Amino acid sequence: MSEKKRLGELLLDANLITQEILDRALKMQVGGTRRLGRILVNMGAISSDQLTDILSQQFQLPIIDPEQSFTPAAQGVLPRYLCKKFEVLPLGLEGETILNLAMTDPSDSEAISSVEKFTGKAVQPCLARLTDIHKAINHHVRLSWS
């Protein structure tokens, strides 16, 4: 079985970035906890959708539509500020203990651990495009707890 390729290698293989751009982004990442993909998007080297496509390939996860996957059980699971902060959307529950969570980067351990701490549930990451997550947050997550 082959070892899973790293994000930078996949982006280079797809001719989406050059080695020079990758090296620059990696230097910017050193010493911090920022995600390489997010740095490349912020640099304008790749689009958010290109990042999602590569992550789908890297993690062998389908890209889901949060609008179609959202269930009423997910309503009110997370406050809007956390959804926006981590760019995630709760989709529904499997039993009482597993939360399906739409996110742009399924390897974002900070987001996963924060959501798990807040909800007390194990998170099952589901890959979704950033624009779709933002639309679904605006549609499904109330502005405040009432």
C-alpha atoms as a PDB file:
ATOM      1  CA  MET A   1       0.000   0.000   0.000  1.00  0.00           C
ATOM      2  CA  SER A   2       1.441   3.375  -0.935  1.00  0.00           C
ATOM      3  CA  GLU A   3       1.867   6.129   1.603  1.00  0.00           C
ATOM      4  CA  LYS A   4      -0.633   8.983   1.362  1.00  0.00           C
ATOM      5  CA  LYS A   5       0.837  11.933  -0.512  1.00  0.00           C
ATOM      6  CA  ARG A   6       1.164  15.245   1.247  1.00  0.00           C
ATOM      7  CA  LEU A   7      -0.910  18.237   0.175  1.00  0.00           C
ATOM      8  CA  GLY A   8       2.045  20.077  -1.394  1.00  0.00           C
ATOM      9  CA  GLU A   9       2.996  17.039  -3.491  1.00  0.00           C
ATOM     10  CA  LEU A  10      -0.569  16.654  -4.762  1.00  0.00           C
ATOM     11  CA  LEU A  11      -0.752  20.341  -5.699  1.00  0.00           C
ATOM     12  CA  LEU A  12       2.576  20.078  -7.547  1.00  0.00           C
ATOM     13  CA  ASP A  13       1.459  16.890  -9.351  1.00  0.00           C
ATOM     14  CA  ALA A  14      -1.720  18.659 -10.485  1.00  0.00           C
ATOM     15  CA  ASN A  15       0.353  21.624 -11.753  1.00  0.00           C
ATOM     16  CA  LEU A  16      -1.656  23.971  -9.548  1.00  0.00           C
ATOM     17  CA  ILE A  17       1.432  25.489  -7.902  1.00  0.00           C
ATOM     18  CA  THR A  18       5.175  25.658  -8.518  1.00  0.00           C
ATOM     19  CA  GLN A  19       7.893  24.392  -6.185  1.00  0.00           C
ATOM     20  CA  GLU A  20       8.807  28.036  -5.525  1.00  0.00           C
ATOM     21  CA  ILE A  21       5.265  28.849  -4.347  1.00  0.00           C
ATOM     22  CA  LEU A  22       5.169  25.710  -2.184  1.00  0.00           C
ATOM     23  CA  ASP A  23       8.527  26.564  -0.593  1.00  0.00           C
ATOM     24  CA  ARG A  24       7.359  30.104   0.159  1.00  0.00           C
ATOM     25  CA  ALA A  25       4.102  28.862   1.739  1.00  0.00           C
ATOM     26  CA  LEU A  26       5.998  26.288   3.817  1.00  0.00           C
ATOM     27  CA  LYS A  27       8.320  29.036   5.103  1.00  0.00           C
ATOM     28  CA  MET A  28       5.266  31.101   6.060  1.00  0.00           C
ATOM     29  CA  GLN A  29       3.819  28.096   7.887  1.00  0.00           C
ATOM     30  CA  VAL A  30       6.937  27.404  10.009  1.00  0.00           C
ATOM     31  CA  GLY A  31       6.478  28.008  13.711  1.00  0.00           C
ATOM     32  CA  GLY A  32       2.723  28.347  13.479  1.00  0.00           C
ATOM     33  CA  THR A  33      -0.322  26.141  13.432  1.00  0.00           C
ATOM     34  CA  ARG A  34      -1.744  27.552  10.201  1.00  0.00           C
ATOM     35  CA  ARG A  35      -2.890  25.069   7.562  1.00  0.00           C
ATOM     36  CA  LEU A  36      -0.802  24.939   4.355  1.00  0.00           C
ATOM     37  CA  GLY A  37      -3.888  24.874   2.135  1.00  0.00           C
ATOM     38  CA  ARG A  38      -5.340  27.986   3.798  1.00  0.00           C
ATOM     39  CA  ILE A  39      -1.991  29.809   3.400  1.00  0.00           C
ATOM     40  CA  LEU A  40      -1.934  28.968  -0.334  1.00  0.00           C
ATOM     41  CA  VAL A  41      -5.542  30.179  -0.743  1.00  0.00           C
ATOM     42  CA  ASN A  42      -4.731  33.411   1.137  1.00  0.00           C
ATOM     43  CA  MET A  43      -1.648  33.901  -1.088  1.00  0.00           C
ATOM     44  CA  GLY A  44      -3.924  33.632  -4.140  1.00  0.00           C
ATOM     45  CA  ALA A  45      -1.912  30.629  -5.404  1.00  0.00           C
ATOM     46  CA  ILE A  46      -4.981  28.358  -5.520  1.00  0.00           C
ATOM     47  CA  SER A  47      -8.714  28.815  -5.098  1.00  0.00           C
ATOM     48  CA  SER A  48     -10.699  27.434  -2.197  1.00  0.00           C
ATOM     49  CA  ASP A  49     -12.452  25.049  -4.630  1.00  0.00           C
ATOM     50  CA  GLN A  50      -9.100  23.780  -5.965  1.00  0.00           C
ATOM     51  CA  LEU A  51      -8.026  23.088  -2.377  1.00  0.00           C
ATOM     52  CA  THR A  52     -11.252  21.150  -1.714  1.00  0.00           C
ATOM     53  CA  ASP A  53     -10.757  19.084  -4.881  1.00  0.00           C
ATOM     54  CA  ILE A  54      -7.195  18.148  -3.850  1.00  0.00           C
ATOM     55  CA  LEU A  55      -8.254  17.338  -0.262  1.00  0.00           C
ATOM     56  CA  SER A  56     -10.998  15.086  -1.671  1.00  0.00           C
ATOM     57  CA  GLN A  57      -8.301  13.219  -3.584  1.00  0.00           C
ATOM     58  CA  GLN A  58      -5.882  13.154  -0.621  1.00  0.00           C
ATOM     59  CA  PHE A  59      -8.393  11.806   1.916  1.00  0.00           C
ATOM     60  CA  GLN A  60     -10.457   9.818  -0.596  1.00  0.00           C
ATOM     61  CA  LEU A  61     -13.603  11.584   0.595  1.00  0.00           C
ATOM     62  CA  PRO A  62     -16.462  12.700  -1.613  1.00  0.00           C
ATOM     63  CA  ILE A  63     -17.372  16.388  -1.657  1.00  0.00           C
ATOM     64  CA  ILE A  64     -20.834  16.715  -0.149  1.00  0.00           C
ATOM     65  CA  ASP A  65     -23.482  19.419  -0.432  1.00  0.00           C
ATOM     66  CA  PRO A  66     -24.235  20.602   3.116  1.00  0.00           C
ATOM     67  CA  GLU A  67     -27.743  21.737   2.099  1.00  0.00           C
ATOM     68  CA  GLN A  68     -28.661  18.215   1.007  1.00  0.00           C
ATOM     69  CA  SER A  69     -26.946  16.512   3.959  1.00  0.00           C
ATOM     70  CA  PHE A  70     -28.268  18.771   6.748  1.00  0.00           C
ATOM     71  CA  THR A  71     -30.798  17.166   9.094  1.00  0.00           C
ATOM     72  CA  PRO A  72     -33.057  18.797  11.718  1.00  0.00           C
ATOM     73  CA  ALA A  73     -31.134  16.910  14.445  1.00  0.00           C
ATOM     74  CA  ALA A  74     -28.169  19.199  13.757  1.00  0.00           C
ATOM     75  CA  GLN A  75     -30.163  22.378  14.441  1.00  0.00           C
ATOM     76  CA  GLY A  76     -28.689  24.216  17.418  1.00  0.00           C
ATOM     77  CA  VAL A  77     -25.767  21.803  17.951  1.00  0.00           C
ATOM     78  CA  LEU A  78     -23.175  24.568  17.456  1.00  0.00           C
ATOM     79  CA  PRO A  79     -23.498  28.340  17.791  1.00  0.00           C
ATOM     80  CA  ARG A  80     -22.962  30.415  14.672  1.00  0.00           C
ATOM     81  CA  TYR A  81     -19.723  31.975  15.940  1.00  0.00           C
ATOM     82  CA  LEU A  82     -18.073  28.531  16.197  1.00  0.00           C
ATOM     83  CA  CYS A  83     -19.374  27.493  12.777  1.00  0.00           C
ATOM     84  CA  LYS A  84     -17.920  30.668  11.265  1.00  0.00           C
ATOM     85  CA  LYS A  85     -14.656  30.506  13.242  1.00  0.00           C
ATOM     86  CA  PHE A  86     -13.853  26.976  12.095  1.00  0.00           C
ATOM     87  CA  GLU A  87     -15.775  27.086   8.780  1.00  0.00           C
ATOM     88  CA  VAL A  88     -17.826  24.021   9.744  1.00  0.00           C
ATOM     89  CA  LEU A  89     -21.486  23.012   9.773  1.00  0.00           C
ATOM     90  CA  PRO A  90     -23.055  20.248  11.864  1.00  0.00           C
ATOM     91  CA  LEU A  91     -25.018  17.983   9.517  1.00  0.00           C
ATOM     92  CA  GLY A  92     -26.609  15.444  11.801  1.00  0.00           C
ATOM     93  CA  LEU A  93     -26.077  12.801  14.429  1.00  0.00           C
ATOM     94  CA  GLU A  94     -25.354   9.108  14.122  1.00  0.00           C
ATOM     95  CA  GLY A  95     -26.878   7.677  17.246  1.00  0.00           C
ATOM     96  CA  GLU A  96     -26.217   9.789  20.321  1.00  0.00           C
ATOM     97  CA  THR A  97     -22.442  10.072  20.093  1.00  0.00           C
ATOM     98  CA  ILE A  98     -21.266  10.845  16.540  1.00  0.00           C
ATOM     99  CA  LEU A  99     -21.654  14.244  14.881  1.00  0.00           C
ATOM    100  CA  ASN A 100     -21.301  14.460  11.094  1.00  0.00           C
ATOM    101  CA  LEU A 101     -19.548  17.753  10.422  1.00  0.00           C
ATOM    102  CA  ALA A 102     -19.150  19.492   7.066  1.00  0.00           C
ATOM    103  CA  MET A 103     -15.720  21.097   6.881  1.00  0.00           C
ATOM    104  CA  THR A 104     -13.280  22.398   4.301  1.00  0.00           C
ATOM    105  CA  ASP A 105     -10.306  20.480   5.721  1.00  0.00           C
ATOM    106  CA  PRO A 106     -10.937  17.085   7.329  1.00  0.00           C
ATOM    107  CA  SER A 107      -7.424  17.099   8.805  1.00  0.00           C
ATOM    108  CA  ASP A 108      -8.057  20.293  10.823  1.00  0.00           C
ATOM    109  CA  SER A 109      -7.488  18.781  14.252  1.00  0.00           C
ATOM    110  CA  GLU A 110      -7.985  22.128  16.038  1.00  0.00           C
ATOM    111  CA  ALA A 111     -11.505  22.497  14.626  1.00  0.00           C
ATOM    112  CA  ILE A 112     -12.369  18.855  15.295  1.00  0.00           C
ATOM    113  CA  SER A 113     -11.129  18.896  18.882  1.00  0.00           C
ATOM    114  CA  SER A 114     -12.871  22.215  19.640  1.00  0.00           C
ATOM    115  CA  VAL A 115     -16.189  20.924  18.279  1.00  0.00           C
ATOM    116  CA  GLU A 116     -15.782  17.631  20.159  1.00  0.00           C
ATOM    117  CA  LYS A 117     -15.063  19.526  23.388  1.00  0.00           C
ATOM    118  CA  PHE A 118     -18.045  21.831  22.877  1.00  0.00           C
ATOM    119  CA  THR A 119     -20.543  19.097  21.935  1.00  0.00           C
ATOM    120  CA  GLY A 120     -19.194  16.108  23.873  1.00  0.00           C
ATOM    121  CA  LYS A 121     -19.577  14.063  20.667  1.00  0.00           C
ATOM    122  CA  ALA A 122     -17.084  12.378  18.357  1.00  0.00           C
ATOM    123  CA  VAL A 123     -16.750  14.192  15.024  1.00  0.00           C
ATOM    124  CA  GLN A 124     -17.004  12.438  11.655  1.00  0.00           C
ATOM    125  CA  PRO A 125     -15.558  14.925   9.120  1.00  0.00           C
ATOM    126  CA  CYS A 126     -17.402  15.386   5.813  1.00  0.00           C
ATOM    127  CA  LEU A 127     -15.701  17.385   3.051  1.00  0.00           C
ATOM    128  CA  ALA A 128     -17.574  20.362   1.608  1.00  0.00           C
ATOM    129  CA  ARG A 129     -16.768  23.495  -0.375  1.00  0.00           C
ATOM    130  CA  LEU A 130     -16.265  26.680   1.648  1.00  0.00           C
ATOM    131  CA  THR A 131     -18.902  28.641  -0.289  1.00  0.00           C
ATOM    132  CA  ASP A 132     -21.459  25.853   0.319  1.00  0.00           C
ATOM    133  CA  ILE A 133     -20.643  25.768   4.042  1.00  0.00           C
ATOM    134  CA  HIS A 134     -21.066  29.560   4.341  1.00  0.00           C
ATOM    135  CA  LYS A 135     -24.436  29.443   2.558  1.00  0.00           C
ATOM    136  CA  ALA A 136     -25.655  26.590   4.743  1.00  0.00           C
ATOM    137  CA  ILE A 137     -24.499  28.338   7.957  1.00  0.00           C
ATOM    138  CA  ASN A 138     -26.489  31.421   6.969  1.00  0.00           C
ATOM    139  CA  HIS A 139     -29.516  29.277   6.194  1.00  0.00           C
ATOM    140  CA  HIS A 140     -29.494  26.772   9.066  1.00  0.00           C
ATOM    141  CA  VAL A 141     -27.668  28.271  12.046  1.00  0.00           C
ATOM    142  CA  ARG A 142     -29.480  30.895  14.092  1.00  0.00           C
ATOM    143  CA  LEU A 143     -27.734  34.140  14.907  1.00  0.00           C
ATOM    144  CA  SER A 144     -28.075  33.613  18.651  1.00  0.00           C
ATOM    145  CA  TRP A 145     -29.132  31.093  21.217  1.00  0.00           C
ATOM    146  CA  SER A 146     -32.700  31.876  22.144  1.00  0.00           C
END
